[in-house]
Amino acid sequence: MVILNPRNTRAICRSLPKRCIEKFPDKPVVIAGDDDDHLEATQGVNPGRSKAEEAAKAVGGKVLLPIFAPGEQAANPKGFTDFNDLANNSVLGKVGIERQVCSIVDSVIEKHQARIEQQQEHIQKQEQRLRRAAKNG
């Protein structure tokens, strides 16, 4: 799912659990946002970052913001804010996107798998307790 307008991100992500998370409960969620660093410097607010964080919190997801090569964002703050800029304007290019996305996706999947394993262990322990209680009963 792609959300291009940050104003409705929270509402869309609140409906995400009903649509996607219930259908795919074992799938982690990654929210890719803009890094409006230039707005934070001039207006004290970074809407791309804050909306992505809000959306991720609403669905228990993880935020991914573009990371540019050293000096790129400082030299041209308005030209280096999103993943399109990373792909087309940064020296990191599409390889930079691939590395950043793969890194966070791998991390999210590992944490998600660990959480599933913990839940399974907890269920097994509960089942063992019930069996012992029934046996001693």
N, C-alpha and C. Protein backbone atom coordinates (compact mmCIF):
# COMPACT_ATOMS: atom_id res chain seq x y z
N MET A 1 0.84 -1.16 0.00
CA MET A 1 0.00 0.00 0.00
C MET A 1 0.90 1.23 0.00
N VAL A 2 0.54 2.23 -0.77
CA VAL A 2 1.29 3.48 -0.83
C VAL A 2 0.35 4.63 -0.48
N ILE A 3 0.80 5.49 0.41
CA ILE A 3 0.03 6.67 0.79
C ILE A 3 0.86 7.88 0.38
N LEU A 4 0.34 8.68 -0.54
CA LEU A 4 1.11 9.80 -1.05
C LEU A 4 0.82 11.11 -0.34
N ASN A 5 -0.30 11.21 0.33
CA ASN A 5 -0.67 12.45 1.00
C ASN A 5 -0.56 12.24 2.50
N PRO A 6 0.38 12.92 3.16
CA PRO A 6 0.57 12.65 4.59
C PRO A 6 -0.58 13.10 5.48
N ARG A 7 -1.49 13.91 4.98
CA ARG A 7 -2.58 14.39 5.83
C ARG A 7 -3.50 13.26 6.28
N ASN A 8 -3.68 12.24 5.44
CA ASN A 8 -4.61 11.17 5.80
C ASN A 8 -3.91 9.87 6.19
N THR A 9 -2.63 9.95 6.42
CA THR A 9 -1.85 8.75 6.73
C THR A 9 -2.37 8.02 7.95
N ARG A 10 -2.63 8.76 9.01
CA ARG A 10 -3.08 8.14 10.27
C ARG A 10 -4.41 7.42 10.08
N ALA A 11 -5.36 8.06 9.39
CA ALA A 11 -6.67 7.44 9.17
C ALA A 11 -6.54 6.18 8.33
N ILE A 12 -5.72 6.24 7.31
CA ILE A 12 -5.53 5.06 6.46
C ILE A 12 -4.88 3.94 7.25
N CYS A 13 -3.87 4.28 8.04
CA CYS A 13 -3.18 3.24 8.81
C CYS A 13 -4.04 2.68 9.92
N ARG A 14 -4.98 3.45 10.42
CA ARG A 14 -5.91 2.91 11.42
C ARG A 14 -6.84 1.88 10.79
N SER A 15 -7.16 2.06 9.50
CA SER A 15 -8.00 1.08 8.81
C SER A 15 -7.17 -0.09 8.29
N LEU A 16 -5.85 0.08 8.25
CA LEU A 16 -4.97 -0.98 7.78
C LEU A 16 -5.15 -2.29 8.55
N PRO A 17 -5.23 -2.24 9.90
CA PRO A 17 -5.41 -3.50 10.61
C PRO A 17 -6.65 -4.28 10.16
N LYS A 18 -7.72 -3.56 9.90
CA LYS A 18 -8.94 -4.24 9.50
C LYS A 18 -8.78 -4.88 8.13
N ARG A 19 -8.07 -4.23 7.26
CA ARG A 19 -7.93 -4.72 5.89
C ARG A 19 -6.80 -5.73 5.73
N CYS A 20 -5.63 -5.34 6.15
CA CYS A 20 -4.44 -6.14 5.86
C CYS A 20 -3.95 -6.96 7.04
N ILE A 21 -3.89 -6.34 8.20
CA ILE A 21 -3.29 -7.03 9.33
C ILE A 21 -4.14 -8.23 9.74
N GLU A 22 -5.47 -8.11 9.66
CA GLU A 22 -6.31 -9.27 9.97
C GLU A 22 -6.16 -10.35 8.91
N LYS A 23 -5.96 -9.94 7.67
CA LYS A 23 -5.79 -10.91 6.58
C LYS A 23 -4.40 -11.54 6.62
N PHE A 24 -3.40 -10.75 7.02
CA PHE A 24 -2.01 -11.23 7.07
C PHE A 24 -1.40 -10.91 8.43
N PRO A 25 -1.88 -11.54 9.50
CA PRO A 25 -1.42 -11.17 10.85
C PRO A 25 0.05 -11.47 11.10
N ASP A 26 0.62 -12.35 10.30
CA ASP A 26 2.02 -12.72 10.51
C ASP A 26 2.99 -11.84 9.74
N LYS A 27 2.48 -10.79 9.07
CA LYS A 27 3.33 -9.92 8.26
C LYS A 27 3.62 -8.61 8.99
N PRO A 28 4.90 -8.28 9.14
CA PRO A 28 5.25 -7.00 9.77
C PRO A 28 4.98 -5.83 8.83
N VAL A 29 4.88 -4.62 9.39
CA VAL A 29 4.57 -3.42 8.62
C VAL A 29 5.74 -2.44 8.70
N VAL A 30 6.15 -1.93 7.54
CA VAL A 30 7.18 -0.90 7.46
C VAL A 30 6.57 0.32 6.78
N ILE A 31 6.67 1.46 7.43
CA ILE A 31 6.16 2.72 6.89
C ILE A 31 7.35 3.53 6.38
N ALA A 32 7.40 3.77 5.07
CA ALA A 32 8.46 4.59 4.48
C ALA A 32 7.96 6.02 4.39
N GLY A 33 8.70 6.93 4.99
CA GLY A 33 8.28 8.33 5.01
C GLY A 33 9.31 9.26 4.41
N ASP A 34 8.90 10.50 4.22
CA ASP A 34 9.81 11.55 3.76
C ASP A 34 10.57 12.10 4.96
N ASP A 35 11.75 12.62 4.71
CA ASP A 35 12.50 13.31 5.75
C ASP A 35 12.57 14.78 5.37
N ASP A 36 11.57 15.53 5.81
CA ASP A 36 11.46 16.96 5.49
C ASP A 36 12.33 17.78 6.43
N ASP A 37 13.61 17.49 6.40
CA ASP A 37 14.58 18.14 7.27
C ASP A 37 14.59 19.66 7.08
N HIS A 38 14.40 20.11 5.85
CA HIS A 38 14.41 21.55 5.56
C HIS A 38 13.25 22.27 6.26
N LEU A 39 12.11 21.61 6.38
CA LEU A 39 10.97 22.21 7.08
C LEU A 39 11.21 22.24 8.59
N GLU A 40 11.88 21.22 9.07
CA GLU A 40 12.20 21.20 10.50
C GLU A 40 13.14 22.36 10.84
N ALA A 41 14.09 22.64 9.95
CA ALA A 41 15.04 23.73 10.18
C ALA A 41 14.37 25.10 10.10
N THR A 42 13.39 25.24 9.20
CA THR A 42 12.77 26.56 9.00
C THR A 42 11.48 26.75 9.78
N GLN A 43 10.72 25.66 9.99
CA GLN A 43 9.41 25.79 10.64
C GLN A 43 9.30 25.02 11.95
N GLY A 44 10.35 24.26 12.27
CA GLY A 44 10.34 23.52 13.52
C GLY A 44 9.50 22.26 13.49
N VAL A 45 9.11 21.83 12.29
CA VAL A 45 8.29 20.63 12.17
C VAL A 45 8.72 19.83 10.94
N ASN A 46 8.72 18.52 11.09
CA ASN A 46 9.09 17.63 9.99
C ASN A 46 7.88 16.73 9.72
N PRO A 47 6.94 17.20 8.86
CA PRO A 47 5.70 16.46 8.67
C PRO A 47 5.89 15.05 8.11
N GLY A 48 6.84 14.88 7.24
CA GLY A 48 7.08 13.54 6.69
C GLY A 48 7.45 12.55 7.76
N ARG A 49 8.38 12.95 8.60
CA ARG A 49 8.84 12.08 9.70
C ARG A 49 7.72 11.87 10.72
N SER A 50 7.08 12.96 11.14
CA SER A 50 6.07 12.82 12.20
C SER A 50 4.87 12.00 11.75
N LYS A 51 4.43 12.18 10.50
CA LYS A 51 3.29 11.39 10.00
C LYS A 51 3.67 9.92 9.85
N ALA A 52 4.89 9.65 9.42
CA ALA A 52 5.34 8.26 9.31
C ALA A 52 5.40 7.60 10.69
N GLU A 53 5.92 8.34 11.66
CA GLU A 53 6.00 7.81 13.03
C GLU A 53 4.60 7.57 13.60
N GLU A 54 3.69 8.50 13.34
CA GLU A 54 2.30 8.35 13.80
C GLU A 54 1.66 7.10 13.20
N ALA A 55 1.86 6.93 11.89
CA ALA A 55 1.28 5.78 11.19
C ALA A 55 1.88 4.48 11.70
N ALA A 56 3.18 4.45 11.89
CA ALA A 56 3.83 3.24 12.39
C ALA A 56 3.33 2.88 13.78
N LYS A 57 3.15 3.89 14.60
CA LYS A 57 2.65 3.64 15.96
C LYS A 57 1.22 3.08 15.91
N ALA A 58 0.42 3.58 14.98
CA ALA A 58 -0.97 3.14 14.88
C ALA A 58 -1.08 1.66 14.51
N VAL A 59 -0.09 1.14 13.78
CA VAL A 59 -0.17 -0.25 13.32
C VAL A 59 0.91 -1.14 13.91
N GLY A 60 1.68 -0.60 14.87
CA GLY A 60 2.76 -1.38 15.45
C GLY A 60 3.87 -1.66 14.45
N GLY A 61 4.10 -0.72 13.56
CA GLY A 61 5.10 -0.89 12.51
C GLY A 61 6.40 -0.17 12.81
N LYS A 62 7.25 -0.18 11.83
CA LYS A 62 8.58 0.43 11.92
C LYS A 62 8.70 1.50 10.85
N VAL A 63 9.40 2.60 11.16
CA VAL A 63 9.56 3.72 10.22
C VAL A 63 10.87 3.58 9.45
N LEU A 64 10.80 3.88 8.17
CA LEU A 64 11.98 3.93 7.31
C LEU A 64 12.00 5.30 6.64
N LEU A 65 13.07 6.05 6.89
CA LEU A 65 13.27 7.35 6.25
C LEU A 65 14.52 7.25 5.37
N PRO A 66 14.55 7.99 4.26
CA PRO A 66 15.72 7.91 3.39
C PRO A 66 16.96 8.49 4.05
N ILE A 67 18.08 7.83 3.82
CA ILE A 67 19.37 8.31 4.31
C ILE A 67 20.21 8.62 3.06
N PHE A 68 20.67 9.85 2.98
CA PHE A 68 21.42 10.30 1.82
C PHE A 68 22.92 10.25 2.09
N ALA A 69 23.70 10.39 1.03
CA ALA A 69 25.15 10.43 1.16
C ALA A 69 25.54 11.68 1.97
N PRO A 70 26.66 11.63 2.66
CA PRO A 70 27.08 12.77 3.47
C PRO A 70 27.10 14.08 2.66
N GLY A 71 26.46 15.09 3.24
CA GLY A 71 26.46 16.42 2.65
C GLY A 71 25.37 16.70 1.64
N GLU A 72 24.72 15.68 1.12
CA GLU A 72 23.71 15.91 0.08
C GLU A 72 22.52 16.71 0.60
N GLN A 73 21.98 16.28 1.71
CA GLN A 73 20.80 16.96 2.25
C GLN A 73 21.14 18.37 2.72
N ALA A 74 22.31 18.56 3.26
CA ALA A 74 22.73 19.88 3.73
C ALA A 74 22.94 20.83 2.55
N ALA A 75 23.47 20.32 1.45
CA ALA A 75 23.74 21.15 0.28
C ALA A 75 22.47 21.55 -0.47
N ASN A 76 21.46 20.67 -0.45
CA ASN A 76 20.21 20.93 -1.17
C ASN A 76 19.05 20.34 -0.38
N PRO A 77 18.66 20.98 0.71
CA PRO A 77 17.65 20.40 1.61
C PRO A 77 16.32 20.07 0.95
N LYS A 78 15.85 20.90 0.03
CA LYS A 78 14.57 20.63 -0.62
C LYS A 78 14.68 19.56 -1.69
N GLY A 79 15.87 19.30 -2.17
CA GLY A 79 16.07 18.32 -3.24
C GLY A 79 16.36 16.92 -2.74
N PHE A 80 16.50 16.78 -1.42
CA PHE A 80 16.80 15.47 -0.85
C PHE A 80 15.90 15.23 0.35
N THR A 81 14.66 14.79 0.07
CA THR A 81 13.70 14.57 1.15
C THR A 81 13.06 13.19 1.13
N ASP A 82 12.96 12.57 -0.05
CA ASP A 82 12.20 11.32 -0.13
C ASP A 82 12.96 10.25 -0.91
N PHE A 83 12.34 9.10 -1.03
CA PHE A 83 13.00 7.97 -1.70
C PHE A 83 13.14 8.19 -3.20
N ASN A 84 12.28 8.98 -3.80
CA ASN A 84 12.44 9.34 -5.20
C ASN A 84 13.72 10.16 -5.37
N ASP A 85 13.97 11.09 -4.45
CA ASP A 85 15.20 11.88 -4.48
C ASP A 85 16.42 10.98 -4.28
N LEU A 86 16.30 10.03 -3.39
CA LEU A 86 17.40 9.10 -3.15
C LEU A 86 17.72 8.32 -4.42
N ALA A 87 16.70 7.86 -5.11
CA ALA A 87 16.90 7.07 -6.34
C ALA A 87 17.46 7.91 -7.47
N ASN A 88 16.97 9.14 -7.61
CA ASN A 88 17.28 9.92 -8.80
C ASN A 88 18.32 11.03 -8.62
N ASN A 89 18.49 11.53 -7.40
CA ASN A 89 19.39 12.66 -7.19
C ASN A 89 20.64 12.32 -6.38
N SER A 90 20.57 11.29 -5.58
CA SER A 90 21.68 10.94 -4.69
C SER A 90 22.70 10.08 -5.42
N VAL A 91 23.96 10.20 -4.99
CA VAL A 91 24.99 9.32 -5.54
C VAL A 91 24.74 7.87 -5.11
N LEU A 92 23.96 7.68 -4.06
CA LEU A 92 23.64 6.33 -3.61
C LEU A 92 22.66 5.63 -4.55
N GLY A 93 21.78 6.40 -5.17
CA GLY A 93 20.86 5.89 -6.18
C GLY A 93 19.98 4.76 -5.70
N LYS A 94 19.56 3.94 -6.65
CA LYS A 94 18.66 2.84 -6.35
C LYS A 94 19.30 1.79 -5.46
N VAL A 95 20.62 1.66 -5.54
CA VAL A 95 21.33 0.73 -4.66
C VAL A 95 21.18 1.18 -3.20
N GLY A 96 21.20 2.49 -3.00
CA GLY A 96 20.99 3.02 -1.64
C GLY A 96 19.63 2.66 -1.10
N ILE A 97 18.61 2.76 -1.95
CA ILE A 97 17.27 2.37 -1.52
C ILE A 97 17.24 0.89 -1.18
N GLU A 98 17.79 0.08 -2.07
CA GLU A 98 17.78 -1.37 -1.85
C GLU A 98 18.46 -1.73 -0.53
N ARG A 99 19.59 -1.13 -0.27
CA ARG A 99 20.31 -1.43 0.98
C ARG A 99 19.50 -1.01 2.20
N GLN A 100 18.93 0.20 2.14
CA GLN A 100 18.17 0.71 3.29
C GLN A 100 16.90 -0.10 3.52
N VAL A 101 16.20 -0.43 2.46
CA VAL A 101 14.97 -1.21 2.59
C VAL A 101 15.29 -2.61 3.08
N CYS A 102 16.27 -3.25 2.48
CA CYS A 102 16.62 -4.62 2.90
C CYS A 102 17.05 -4.65 4.36
N SER A 103 17.80 -3.65 4.78
CA SER A 103 18.27 -3.61 6.16
C SER A 103 17.12 -3.55 7.15
N ILE A 104 16.18 -2.66 6.91
CA ILE A 104 15.08 -2.52 7.87
C ILE A 104 14.11 -3.70 7.76
N VAL A 105 13.87 -4.18 6.55
CA VAL A 105 12.97 -5.32 6.39
C VAL A 105 13.55 -6.55 7.09
N ASP A 106 14.85 -6.79 6.92
CA ASP A 106 15.49 -7.92 7.60
C ASP A 106 15.36 -7.78 9.11
N SER A 107 15.59 -6.56 9.61
CA SER A 107 15.49 -6.32 11.05
C SER A 107 14.07 -6.55 11.56
N VAL A 108 13.09 -6.04 10.84
CA VAL A 108 11.70 -6.19 11.24
C VAL A 108 11.28 -7.66 11.21
N ILE A 109 11.70 -8.37 10.18
CA ILE A 109 11.35 -9.78 10.07
C ILE A 109 11.97 -10.58 11.21
N GLU A 110 13.24 -10.30 11.54
CA GLU A 110 13.90 -11.01 12.64
C GLU A 110 13.16 -10.78 13.96
N LYS A 111 12.81 -9.52 14.24
CA LYS A 111 12.09 -9.22 15.48
C LYS A 111 10.71 -9.87 15.49
N HIS A 112 10.06 -9.85 14.34
CA HIS A 112 8.73 -10.46 14.22
C HIS A 112 8.82 -11.97 14.45
N GLN A 113 9.81 -12.60 13.86
CA GLN A 113 9.99 -14.05 14.05
C GLN A 113 10.28 -14.37 15.51
N ALA A 114 11.11 -13.56 16.15
CA ALA A 114 11.42 -13.78 17.56
C ALA A 114 10.16 -13.66 18.41
N ARG A 115 9.31 -12.69 18.09
CA ARG A 115 8.06 -12.52 18.83
C ARG A 115 7.15 -13.73 18.64
N ILE A 116 7.07 -14.25 17.42
CA ILE A 116 6.26 -15.44 17.15
C ILE A 116 6.79 -16.64 17.93
N GLU A 117 8.11 -16.81 17.94
CA GLU A 117 8.71 -17.92 18.69
C GLU A 117 8.42 -17.81 20.17
N GLN A 118 8.48 -16.60 20.72
CA GLN A 118 8.16 -16.40 22.14
C GLN A 118 6.71 -16.76 22.42
N GLN A 119 5.81 -16.36 21.53
CA GLN A 119 4.40 -16.68 21.70
C GLN A 119 4.19 -18.19 21.65
N GLN A 120 4.86 -18.86 20.73
CA GLN A 120 4.72 -20.31 20.62
C GLN A 120 5.25 -21.01 21.87
N GLU A 121 6.39 -20.53 22.39
CA GLU A 121 6.94 -21.10 23.62
C GLU A 121 5.98 -20.91 24.78
N HIS A 122 5.37 -19.73 24.85
CA HIS A 122 4.41 -19.43 25.92
C HIS A 122 3.21 -20.37 25.82
N ILE A 123 2.71 -20.59 24.63
CA ILE A 123 1.57 -21.49 24.42
C ILE A 123 1.94 -22.91 24.82
N GLN A 124 3.14 -23.35 24.43
CA GLN A 124 3.58 -24.71 24.78
C GLN A 124 3.68 -24.88 26.29
N LYS A 125 4.20 -23.87 26.97
CA LYS A 125 4.31 -23.94 28.43
C LYS A 125 2.94 -24.00 29.08
N GLN A 126 1.99 -23.22 28.57
CA GLN A 126 0.64 -23.25 29.10
C GLN A 126 0.01 -24.64 28.88
N GLU A 127 0.22 -25.21 27.71
CA GLU A 127 -0.33 -26.54 27.42
C GLU A 127 0.28 -27.58 28.34
N GLN A 128 1.59 -27.48 28.61
CA GLN A 128 2.25 -28.42 29.52
C GLN A 128 1.67 -28.30 30.93
N ARG A 129 1.45 -27.08 31.38
CA ARG A 129 0.86 -26.87 32.71
C ARG A 129 -0.54 -27.48 32.79
N LEU A 130 -1.33 -27.26 31.74
CA LEU A 130 -2.70 -27.82 31.72
C LEU A 130 -2.66 -29.35 31.75
N ARG A 131 -1.75 -29.92 30.98
CA ARG A 131 -1.64 -31.40 30.98
C ARG A 131 -1.24 -31.94 32.34
N ARG A 132 -0.27 -31.24 33.00
CA ARG A 132 0.17 -31.67 34.34
C ARG A 132 -0.97 -31.53 35.33
N ALA A 133 -1.71 -30.45 35.24
CA ALA A 133 -2.83 -30.21 36.15
C ALA A 133 -3.90 -31.26 35.94
N ALA A 134 -4.17 -31.63 34.70
CA ALA A 134 -5.18 -32.64 34.41
C ALA A 134 -4.72 -34.01 34.91
N LYS A 135 -3.45 -34.27 34.77
CA LYS A 135 -2.87 -35.55 35.18
C LYS A 135 -2.90 -35.68 36.71
N ASN A 136 -2.62 -34.58 37.39
CA ASN A 136 -2.58 -34.60 38.86
C ASN A 136 -3.96 -34.39 39.49
N GLY A 137 -4.88 -33.99 38.65
CA GLY A 137 -6.14 -33.59 39.01
C GLY A 137 -7.15 -34.05 39.82
